[in-house]
Amino acid sequence: MSLSPTMRFFGTAINDEFGQVEESGILIEIDQILEEKRARHIETYLKSKPSKRFLMRLRRIVATKRKR
């Protein structure tokens, strides 16, 4: 999975306290998320019901990225 050219991956661990699911740690800069990943992961999330404050902030970031 490549979300941005500067994405950092910190590894994966099994969470035995939550049904043996795998959890991975990644760090990315929002303004460097690749456009096709932005459309797939962020814009579909914007259609759900996050908090208004978070939603407004994320929309501003997405709009700023598109203007560049």
PDB file of N, CA and C in Angstrom:
ATOM      1  N   MET A   1       0.855  -1.166   0.000  1.00  0.00           N
ATOM      2  CA  MET A   1       0.000   0.000   0.000  1.00  0.00           C
ATOM      3  C   MET A   1       0.900   1.228   0.000  1.00  0.00           C
ATOM      4  N   SER A   2       0.703   2.077  -0.952  1.00  0.00           N
ATOM      5  CA  SER A   2       1.482   3.312  -1.029  1.00  0.00           C
ATOM      6  C   SER A   2       0.509   4.481  -1.064  1.00  0.00           C
ATOM      7  N   LEU A   3       0.414   5.197   0.039  1.00  0.00           N
ATOM      8  CA  LEU A   3      -0.512   6.321   0.121  1.00  0.00           C
ATOM      9  C   LEU A   3       0.129   7.641  -0.263  1.00  0.00           C
ATOM     10  N   SER A   4       1.425   7.771  -0.033  1.00  0.00           N
ATOM     11  CA  SER A   4       2.138   8.995  -0.380  1.00  0.00           C
ATOM     12  C   SER A   4       3.607   8.653  -0.586  1.00  0.00           C
ATOM     13  N   PRO A   5       4.337   9.511  -1.305  1.00  0.00           N
ATOM     14  CA  PRO A   5       5.752   9.228  -1.532  1.00  0.00           C
ATOM     15  C   PRO A   5       6.589   9.285  -0.256  1.00  0.00           C
ATOM     16  N   THR A   6       6.076   9.913   0.790  1.00  0.00           N
ATOM     17  CA  THR A   6       6.838  10.040   2.040  1.00  0.00           C
ATOM     18  C   THR A   6       6.286   9.169   3.163  1.00  0.00           C
ATOM     19  N   MET A   7       5.383   8.252   2.839  1.00  0.00           N
ATOM     20  CA  MET A   7       4.780   7.393   3.856  1.00  0.00           C
ATOM     21  C   MET A   7       5.840   6.568   4.577  1.00  0.00           C
ATOM     22  N   ARG A   8       5.698   6.459   5.881  1.00  0.00           N
ATOM     23  CA  ARG A   8       6.595   5.639   6.690  1.00  0.00           C
ATOM     24  C   ARG A   8       5.788   4.519   7.336  1.00  0.00           C
ATOM     25  N   PHE A   9       6.306   3.306   7.263  1.00  0.00           N
ATOM     26  CA  PHE A   9       5.650   2.125   7.816  1.00  0.00           C
ATOM     27  C   PHE A   9       6.460   1.655   9.016  1.00  0.00           C
ATOM     28  N   PHE A  10       5.790   1.431  10.136  1.00  0.00           N
ATOM     29  CA  PHE A  10       6.474   1.075  11.371  1.00  0.00           C
ATOM     30  C   PHE A  10       6.288  -0.375  11.786  1.00  0.00           C
ATOM     31  N   GLY A  11       5.637  -1.168  10.970  1.00  0.00           N
ATOM     32  CA  GLY A  11       5.488  -2.579  11.283  1.00  0.00           C
ATOM     33  C   GLY A  11       4.063  -2.969  11.629  1.00  0.00           C
ATOM     34  N   THR A  12       3.871  -4.270  11.786  1.00  0.00           N
ATOM     35  CA  THR A  12       2.557  -4.838  12.069  1.00  0.00           C
ATOM     36  C   THR A  12       2.664  -5.765  13.267  1.00  0.00           C
ATOM     37  N   ALA A  13       1.640  -5.750  14.085  1.00  0.00           N
ATOM     38  CA  ALA A  13       1.589  -6.621  15.263  1.00  0.00           C
ATOM     39  C   ALA A  13       0.208  -7.254  15.347  1.00  0.00           C
ATOM     40  N   ILE A  14       0.143  -8.406  15.975  1.00  0.00           N
ATOM     41  CA  ILE A  14      -1.130  -9.084  16.217  1.00  0.00           C
ATOM     42  C   ILE A  14      -1.687  -8.578  17.543  1.00  0.00           C
ATOM     43  N   ASN A  15      -2.937  -8.117  17.517  1.00  0.00           N
ATOM     44  CA  ASN A  15      -3.600  -7.655  18.734  1.00  0.00           C
ATOM     45  C   ASN A  15      -4.401  -8.827  19.297  1.00  0.00           C
ATOM     46  N   ASP A  16      -3.811  -9.540  20.248  1.00  0.00           N
ATOM     47  CA  ASP A  16      -4.479 -10.717  20.810  1.00  0.00           C
ATOM     48  C   ASP A  16      -5.606 -10.354  21.770  1.00  0.00           C
ATOM     49  N   GLU A  17      -5.721  -9.085  22.116  1.00  0.00           N
ATOM     50  CA  GLU A  17      -6.815  -8.642  22.991  1.00  0.00           C
ATOM     51  C   GLU A  17      -8.036  -8.183  22.198  1.00  0.00           C
ATOM     52  N   PHE A  18      -7.917  -8.203  20.872  1.00  0.00           N
ATOM     53  CA  PHE A  18      -9.020  -7.747  20.033  1.00  0.00           C
ATOM     54  C   PHE A  18      -9.226  -8.697  18.858  1.00  0.00           C
ATOM     55  N   GLY A  19      -9.325  -9.958  19.161  1.00  0.00           N
ATOM     56  CA  GLY A  19      -9.672 -10.950  18.146  1.00  0.00           C
ATOM     57  C   GLY A  19      -8.571 -11.309  17.168  1.00  0.00           C
ATOM     58  N   GLN A  20      -7.328 -11.212  17.589  1.00  0.00           N
ATOM     59  CA  GLN A  20      -6.195 -11.594  16.751  1.00  0.00           C
ATOM     60  C   GLN A  20      -6.095 -10.790  15.451  1.00  0.00           C
ATOM     61  N   VAL A  21      -6.555  -9.554  15.449  1.00  0.00           N
ATOM     62  CA  VAL A  21      -6.454  -8.723  14.248  1.00  0.00           C
ATOM     63  C   VAL A  21      -5.032  -8.195  14.106  1.00  0.00           C
ATOM     64  N   GLU A  22      -4.645  -7.900  12.873  1.00  0.00           N
ATOM     65  CA  GLU A  22      -3.345  -7.288  12.614  1.00  0.00           C
ATOM     66  C   GLU A  22      -3.501  -5.774  12.656  1.00  0.00           C
ATOM     67  N   GLU A  23      -2.585  -5.109  13.329  1.00  0.00           N
ATOM     68  CA  GLU A  23      -2.596  -3.652  13.389  1.00  0.00           C
ATOM     69  C   GLU A  23      -1.254  -3.148  12.902  1.00  0.00           C
ATOM     70  N   SER A  24      -1.292  -2.180  11.992  1.00  0.00           N
ATOM     71  CA  SER A  24      -0.061  -1.630  11.421  1.00  0.00           C
ATOM     72  C   SER A  24       0.048  -0.153  11.751  1.00  0.00           C
ATOM     73  N   GLY A  25       1.268   0.308  11.908  1.00  0.00           N
ATOM     74  CA  GLY A  25       1.512   1.721  12.181  1.00  0.00           C
ATOM     75  C   GLY A  25       2.093   2.402  10.955  1.00  0.00           C
ATOM     76  N   ILE A  26       1.428   3.475  10.500  1.00  0.00           N
ATOM     77  CA  ILE A  26       1.944   4.259   9.380  1.00  0.00           C
ATOM     78  C   ILE A  26       1.898   5.734   9.747  1.00  0.00           C
ATOM     79  N   LEU A  27       2.731   6.504   9.090  1.00  0.00           N
ATOM     80  CA  LEU A  27       2.764   7.948   9.282  1.00  0.00           C
ATOM     81  C   LEU A  27       2.828   8.585   7.901  1.00  0.00           C
ATOM     82  N   ILE A  28       1.865   9.477   7.621  1.00  0.00           N
ATOM     83  CA  ILE A  28       1.844  10.162   6.328  1.00  0.00           C
ATOM     84  C   ILE A  28       1.506  11.626   6.534  1.00  0.00           C
ATOM     85  N   GLU A  29       1.921  12.452   5.579  1.00  0.00           N
ATOM     86  CA  GLU A  29       1.522  13.852   5.578  1.00  0.00           C
ATOM     87  C   GLU A  29       0.263  13.952   4.730  1.00  0.00           C
ATOM     88  N   ILE A  30      -0.785  14.540   5.280  1.00  0.00           N
ATOM     89  CA  ILE A  30      -2.071  14.600   4.590  1.00  0.00           C
ATOM     90  C   ILE A  30      -1.950  15.263   3.227  1.00  0.00           C
ATOM     91  N   ASP A  31      -1.177  16.345   3.143  1.00  0.00           N
ATOM     92  CA  ASP A  31      -1.091  17.060   1.868  1.00  0.00           C
ATOM     93  C   ASP A  31      -0.269  16.326   0.809  1.00  0.00           C
ATOM     94  N   GLN A  32       0.321  15.186   1.150  1.00  0.00           N
ATOM     95  CA  GLN A  32       1.092  14.415   0.177  1.00  0.00           C
ATOM     96  C   GLN A  32       0.424  13.099  -0.204  1.00  0.00           C
ATOM     97  N   ILE A  33      -0.820  12.917   0.198  1.00  0.00           N
ATOM     98  CA  ILE A  33      -1.532  11.690  -0.163  1.00  0.00           C
ATOM     99  C   ILE A  33      -1.790  11.694  -1.668  1.00  0.00           C
ATOM    100  N   LEU A  34      -1.476  10.595  -2.323  1.00  0.00           N
ATOM    101  CA  LEU A  34      -1.673  10.473  -3.761  1.00  0.00           C
ATOM    102  C   LEU A  34      -3.140  10.684  -4.115  1.00  0.00           C
ATOM    103  N   GLU A  35      -3.390  11.354  -5.235  1.00  0.00           N
ATOM    104  CA  GLU A  35      -4.751  11.755  -5.607  1.00  0.00           C
ATOM    105  C   GLU A  35      -5.716  10.575  -5.698  1.00  0.00           C
ATOM    106  N   GLU A  36      -5.291   9.463  -6.303  1.00  0.00           N
ATOM    107  CA  GLU A  36      -6.206   8.321  -6.422  1.00  0.00           C
ATOM    108  C   GLU A  36      -6.531   7.716  -5.056  1.00  0.00           C
ATOM    109  N   LYS A  37      -5.591   7.777  -4.124  1.00  0.00           N
ATOM    110  CA  LYS A  37      -5.839   7.282  -2.767  1.00  0.00           C
ATOM    111  C   LYS A  37      -6.726   8.255  -2.002  1.00  0.00           C
ATOM    112  N   ARG A  38      -6.529   9.556  -2.252  1.00  0.00           N
ATOM    113  CA  ARG A  38      -7.352  10.589  -1.617  1.00  0.00           C
ATOM    114  C   ARG A  38      -8.823  10.384  -1.998  1.00  0.00           C
ATOM    115  N   ALA A  39      -9.065  10.182  -3.279  1.00  0.00           N
ATOM    116  CA  ALA A  39     -10.438   9.993  -3.748  1.00  0.00           C
ATOM    117  C   ALA A  39     -11.053   8.735  -3.142  1.00  0.00           C
ATOM    118  N   ARG A  40     -10.285   7.670  -3.084  1.00  0.00           N
ATOM    119  CA  ARG A  40     -10.812   6.397  -2.584  1.00  0.00           C
ATOM    120  C   ARG A  40     -11.023   6.384  -1.076  1.00  0.00           C
ATOM    121  N   HIS A  41     -10.065   6.887  -0.322  1.00  0.00           N
ATOM    122  CA  HIS A  41     -10.116   6.736   1.130  1.00  0.00           C
ATOM    123  C   HIS A  41     -10.662   7.953   1.868  1.00  0.00           C
ATOM    124  N   ILE A  42     -10.292   9.150   1.458  1.00  0.00           N
ATOM    125  CA  ILE A  42     -10.724  10.342   2.192  1.00  0.00           C
ATOM    126  C   ILE A  42     -12.100  10.796   1.744  1.00  0.00           C
ATOM    127  N   GLU A  43     -12.299  10.911   0.438  1.00  0.00           N
ATOM    128  CA  GLU A  43     -13.570  11.448  -0.032  1.00  0.00           C
ATOM    129  C   GLU A  43     -14.742  10.526   0.283  1.00  0.00           C
ATOM    130  N   THR A  44     -14.521   9.216   0.303  1.00  0.00           N
ATOM    131  CA  THR A  44     -15.608   8.326   0.716  1.00  0.00           C
ATOM    132  C   THR A  44     -15.881   8.479   2.210  1.00  0.00           C
ATOM    133  N   TYR A  45     -14.827   8.757   2.990  1.00  0.00           N
ATOM    134  CA  TYR A  45     -15.002   8.993   4.424  1.00  0.00           C
ATOM    135  C   TYR A  45     -15.784  10.277   4.673  1.00  0.00           C
ATOM    136  N   LEU A  46     -15.559  11.286   3.848  1.00  0.00           N
ATOM    137  CA  LEU A  46     -16.260  12.555   4.025  1.00  0.00           C
ATOM    138  C   LEU A  46     -17.775  12.391   3.889  1.00  0.00           C
ATOM    139  N   LYS A  47     -18.197  11.348   3.189  1.00  0.00           N
ATOM    140  CA  LYS A  47     -19.631  11.103   3.019  1.00  0.00           C
ATOM    141  C   LYS A  47     -20.260  10.459   4.251  1.00  0.00           C
ATOM    142  N   SER A  48     -19.438   9.941   5.168  1.00  0.00           N
ATOM    143  CA  SER A  48     -19.964   9.373   6.411  1.00  0.00           C
ATOM    144  C   SER A  48     -20.202  10.502   7.407  1.00  0.00           C
ATOM    145  N   LYS A  49     -20.276  10.213   8.681  1.00  0.00           N
ATOM    146  CA  LYS A  49     -20.651  11.229   9.654  1.00  0.00           C
ATOM    147  C   LYS A  49     -19.569  11.504  10.701  1.00  0.00           C
ATOM    148  N   PRO A  50     -18.418  12.031  10.286  1.00  0.00           N
ATOM    149  CA  PRO A  50     -17.422  12.435  11.285  1.00  0.00           C
ATOM    150  C   PRO A  50     -17.852  13.735  11.956  1.00  0.00           C
ATOM    151  N   SER A  51     -17.121  14.173  12.961  1.00  0.00           N
ATOM    152  CA  SER A  51     -17.468  15.420  13.635  1.00  0.00           C
ATOM    153  C   SER A  51     -17.363  16.583  12.659  1.00  0.00           C
ATOM    154  N   LYS A  52     -18.188  17.600  12.843  1.00  0.00           N
ATOM    155  CA  LYS A  52     -18.186  18.746  11.939  1.00  0.00           C
ATOM    156  C   LYS A  52     -16.840  19.455  11.917  1.00  0.00           C
ATOM    157  N   ARG A  53     -16.217  19.590  13.062  1.00  0.00           N
ATOM    158  CA  ARG A  53     -14.925  20.276  13.141  1.00  0.00           C
ATOM    159  C   ARG A  53     -13.861  19.535  12.323  1.00  0.00           C
ATOM    160  N   PHE A  54     -13.799  18.226  12.494  1.00  0.00           N
ATOM    161  CA  PHE A  54     -12.845  17.423  11.736  1.00  0.00           C
ATOM    162  C   PHE A  54     -13.162  17.476  10.246  1.00  0.00           C
ATOM    163  N   LEU A  55     -14.427  17.372   9.917  1.00  0.00           N
ATOM    164  CA  LEU A  55     -14.864  17.394   8.530  1.00  0.00           C
ATOM    165  C   LEU A  55     -14.467  18.694   7.841  1.00  0.00           C
ATOM    166  N   MET A  56     -14.682  19.823   8.499  1.00  0.00           N
ATOM    167  CA  MET A  56     -14.330  21.118   7.916  1.00  0.00           C
ATOM    168  C   MET A  56     -12.820  21.215   7.695  1.00  0.00           C
ATOM    169  N   ARG A  57     -12.046  20.767   8.655  1.00  0.00           N
ATOM    170  CA  ARG A  57     -10.581  20.813   8.531  1.00  0.00           C
ATOM    171  C   ARG A  57     -10.105  19.939   7.375  1.00  0.00           C
ATOM    172  N   LEU A  58     -10.639  18.746   7.278  1.00  0.00           N
ATOM    173  CA  LEU A  58     -10.238  17.831   6.221  1.00  0.00           C
ATOM    174  C   LEU A  58     -10.652  18.358   4.849  1.00  0.00           C
ATOM    175  N   ARG A  59     -11.833  18.945   4.747  1.00  0.00           N
ATOM    176  CA  ARG A  59     -12.275  19.524   3.468  1.00  0.00           C
ATOM    177  C   ARG A  59     -11.357  20.658   3.030  1.00  0.00           C
ATOM    178  N   ARG A  60     -10.923  21.477   3.993  1.00  0.00           N
ATOM    179  CA  ARG A  60      -9.998  22.567   3.657  1.00  0.00           C
ATOM    180  C   ARG A  60      -8.685  22.011   3.117  1.00  0.00           C
ATOM    181  N   ILE A  61      -8.192  20.966   3.738  1.00  0.00           N
ATOM    182  CA  ILE A  61      -6.933  20.359   3.289  1.00  0.00           C
ATOM    183  C   ILE A  61      -7.088  19.779   1.884  1.00  0.00           C
ATOM    184  N   VAL A  62      -8.185  19.078   1.637  1.00  0.00           N
ATOM    185  CA  VAL A  62      -8.431  18.483   0.324  1.00  0.00           C
ATOM    186  C   VAL A  62      -8.569  19.575  -0.729  1.00  0.00           C
ATOM    187  N   ALA A  63      -9.304  20.640  -0.426  1.00  0.00           N
ATOM    188  CA  ALA A  63      -9.495  21.740  -1.375  1.00  0.00           C
ATOM    189  C   ALA A  63      -8.174  22.440  -1.680  1.00  0.00           C
ATOM    190  N   THR A  64      -7.358  22.643  -0.672  1.00  0.00           N
ATOM    191  CA  THR A  64      -6.058  23.284  -0.868  1.00  0.00           C
ATOM    192  C   THR A  64      -5.180  22.433  -1.771  1.00  0.00           C
ATOM    193  N   LYS A  65      -5.204  21.133  -1.572  1.00  0.00           N
ATOM    194  CA  LYS A  65      -4.403  20.211  -2.383  1.00  0.00           C
ATOM    195  C   LYS A  65      -4.835  20.278  -3.846  1.00  0.00           C
ATOM    196  N   ARG A  66      -6.118  20.370  -4.110  1.00  0.00           N
ATOM    197  CA  ARG A  66      -6.624  20.405  -5.487  1.00  0.00           C
ATOM    198  C   ARG A  66      -6.242  21.692  -6.208  1.00  0.00           C
ATOM    199  N   LYS A  67      -6.144  22.794  -5.471  1.00  0.00           N
ATOM    200  CA  LYS A  67      -5.812  24.082  -6.087  1.00  0.00           C
ATOM    201  C   LYS A  67      -4.378  24.133  -6.574  1.00  0.00           C
ATOM    202  N   ARG A  68      -3.515  23.287  -6.036  1.00  0.00           N
ATOM    203  CA  ARG A  68      -2.089  23.291  -6.422  1.00  0.00           C
ATOM    204  C   ARG A  68      -1.878  22.713  -7.756  1.00  0.00           C
TER     205      ARG A  68
END
